[in-house]
Amino acid sequence: MSTKPKKSDPLERAKIEIICLGRTLMPDSETFERTIGTIILFGVWAAIVLGPMFTGADPARYEIVIGTTAIAFTVLGKMWDFEVKRALNAVTLTDGGKSKEDTEDD
């Protein structure tokens, strides 16, 4: 039996949003460690690069900003590449109704 949450309760709404975010970011047990690593890496990058924009702090030196951005996006790109490769393994290429293997035999 399910219960409907109170729409006016902000804590209940925040709990539901966190559950949905967790299900979105961690769809299976294979990607759990990579997802946690990505969230931590993105949080550190955002604190160093974007944090000073929203506070009265002095911005970080440009060497730190460029280095952190390069490392963060390189690691994140590798993580996305793993996901793309796994998804592309399920794709079957066809040409005119024949599979790729059938056309090579002709």
Protein backbone atom coordinates (compact mmCIF):
# COMPACT_ATOMS: atom_id res chain seq x y z
CA MET A 1 0.00 0.00 0.00
CA SER A 2 1.45 3.33 -0.98
CA THR A 3 0.82 6.62 0.68
CA LYS A 4 0.76 9.96 -1.05
CA PRO A 5 3.26 12.45 0.36
CA LYS A 6 2.10 15.79 1.58
CA LYS A 7 2.83 18.24 -1.20
CA SER A 8 3.28 21.13 1.20
CA ASP A 9 5.99 19.40 3.27
CA PRO A 10 9.38 20.60 1.95
CA LEU A 11 11.34 17.89 3.78
CA GLU A 12 9.24 15.14 2.23
CA ARG A 13 9.68 16.74 -1.19
CA ALA A 14 13.47 16.93 -0.69
CA LYS A 15 13.54 13.26 0.33
CA ILE A 16 11.66 12.27 -2.82
CA GLU A 17 13.98 14.37 -5.01
CA ILE A 18 17.08 12.75 -3.45
CA ILE A 19 15.64 9.27 -4.05
CA CYS A 20 14.92 10.15 -7.70
CA LEU A 21 18.41 11.63 -8.15
CA GLY A 22 19.97 8.49 -6.72
CA ARG A 23 17.99 6.26 -9.07
CA THR A 24 18.97 8.43 -12.02
CA LEU A 25 22.68 8.52 -11.24
CA MET A 26 23.05 4.92 -10.08
CA PRO A 27 20.91 2.73 -12.34
CA ASP A 28 22.76 -0.50 -11.50
CA SER A 29 25.47 -1.89 -9.26
CA GLU A 30 28.05 -1.77 -12.10
CA THR A 31 28.24 2.01 -12.12
CA PHE A 32 28.02 2.72 -8.38
CA GLU A 33 31.73 3.40 -7.75
CA ARG A 34 32.13 5.44 -10.91
CA THR A 35 29.06 7.48 -10.08
CA ILE A 36 30.28 8.27 -6.57
CA GLY A 37 33.69 9.18 -7.98
CA THR A 38 32.10 11.43 -10.58
CA ILE A 39 29.97 13.24 -8.01
CA ILE A 40 32.99 13.81 -5.74
CA LEU A 41 35.17 14.96 -8.64
CA PHE A 42 32.49 17.33 -9.91
CA GLY A 43 31.96 18.71 -6.40
CA VAL A 44 35.67 19.45 -5.96
CA TRP A 45 35.84 21.03 -9.43
CA ALA A 46 32.78 23.18 -8.75
CA ALA A 47 34.14 24.31 -5.38
CA ILE A 48 37.48 25.37 -6.90
CA VAL A 49 36.31 26.86 -10.19
CA LEU A 50 32.73 28.01 -9.62
CA GLY A 51 32.75 28.58 -5.86
CA PRO A 52 34.46 31.99 -5.88
CA MET A 53 31.83 33.32 -8.31
CA PHE A 54 29.11 32.95 -5.71
CA THR A 55 31.07 34.03 -2.65
CA GLY A 56 33.23 37.00 -1.80
CA ALA A 57 36.42 34.90 -2.05
CA ASP A 58 39.26 35.62 -4.43
CA PRO A 59 39.26 33.34 -7.47
CA ALA A 60 41.78 30.52 -7.63
CA ARG A 61 44.94 30.97 -9.69
CA TYR A 62 44.45 30.24 -13.38
CA GLU A 63 46.91 27.31 -13.27
CA ILE A 64 44.76 25.60 -10.66
CA VAL A 65 41.54 26.34 -12.55
CA ILE A 66 42.87 25.08 -15.89
CA GLY A 67 44.53 22.02 -14.35
CA THR A 68 41.49 21.06 -12.31
CA THR A 69 39.18 21.56 -15.28
CA ALA A 70 41.40 19.47 -17.56
CA ILE A 71 41.64 16.61 -15.07
CA ALA A 72 37.93 16.70 -14.23
CA PHE A 73 36.72 16.68 -17.81
CA THR A 74 39.26 14.03 -18.86
CA VAL A 75 38.10 11.68 -16.12
CA LEU A 76 34.43 12.44 -16.75
CA GLY A 77 34.93 11.87 -20.49
CA LYS A 78 36.46 8.48 -19.81
CA MET A 79 33.56 7.58 -17.57
CA TRP A 80 31.02 8.54 -20.24
CA ASP A 81 33.03 6.64 -22.84
CA PHE A 82 32.57 3.45 -20.83
CA GLU A 83 28.82 3.99 -20.84
CA VAL A 84 28.73 4.70 -24.57
CA LYS A 85 30.78 1.60 -25.40
CA ARG A 86 28.50 -0.58 -23.30
CA ALA A 87 25.40 0.83 -24.99
CA LEU A 88 26.86 0.52 -28.50
CA ASN A 89 27.57 -3.19 -28.06
CA ALA A 90 23.82 -3.81 -28.19
CA VAL A 91 23.37 -2.00 -31.54
CA THR A 92 22.99 -4.19 -34.64
CA LEU A 93 23.84 -2.59 -37.96
CA THR A 94 21.73 -3.53 -40.98
CA ASP A 95 21.79 -2.67 -44.65
CA GLY A 96 18.61 -3.16 -46.65
CA GLY A 97 17.18 -5.72 -44.28
CA LYS A 98 20.32 -7.85 -44.21
CA SER A 99 22.65 -7.92 -41.27
CA LYS A 100 26.26 -6.84 -41.67
CA GLU A 101 27.49 -10.47 -41.59
CA ASP A 102 25.11 -11.50 -44.44
CA THR A 103 26.35 -8.75 -46.78
CA GLU A 104 30.01 -9.74 -46.27
CA ASP A 105 29.29 -13.33 -47.42
CA ASP A 106 28.04 -12.21 -50.87
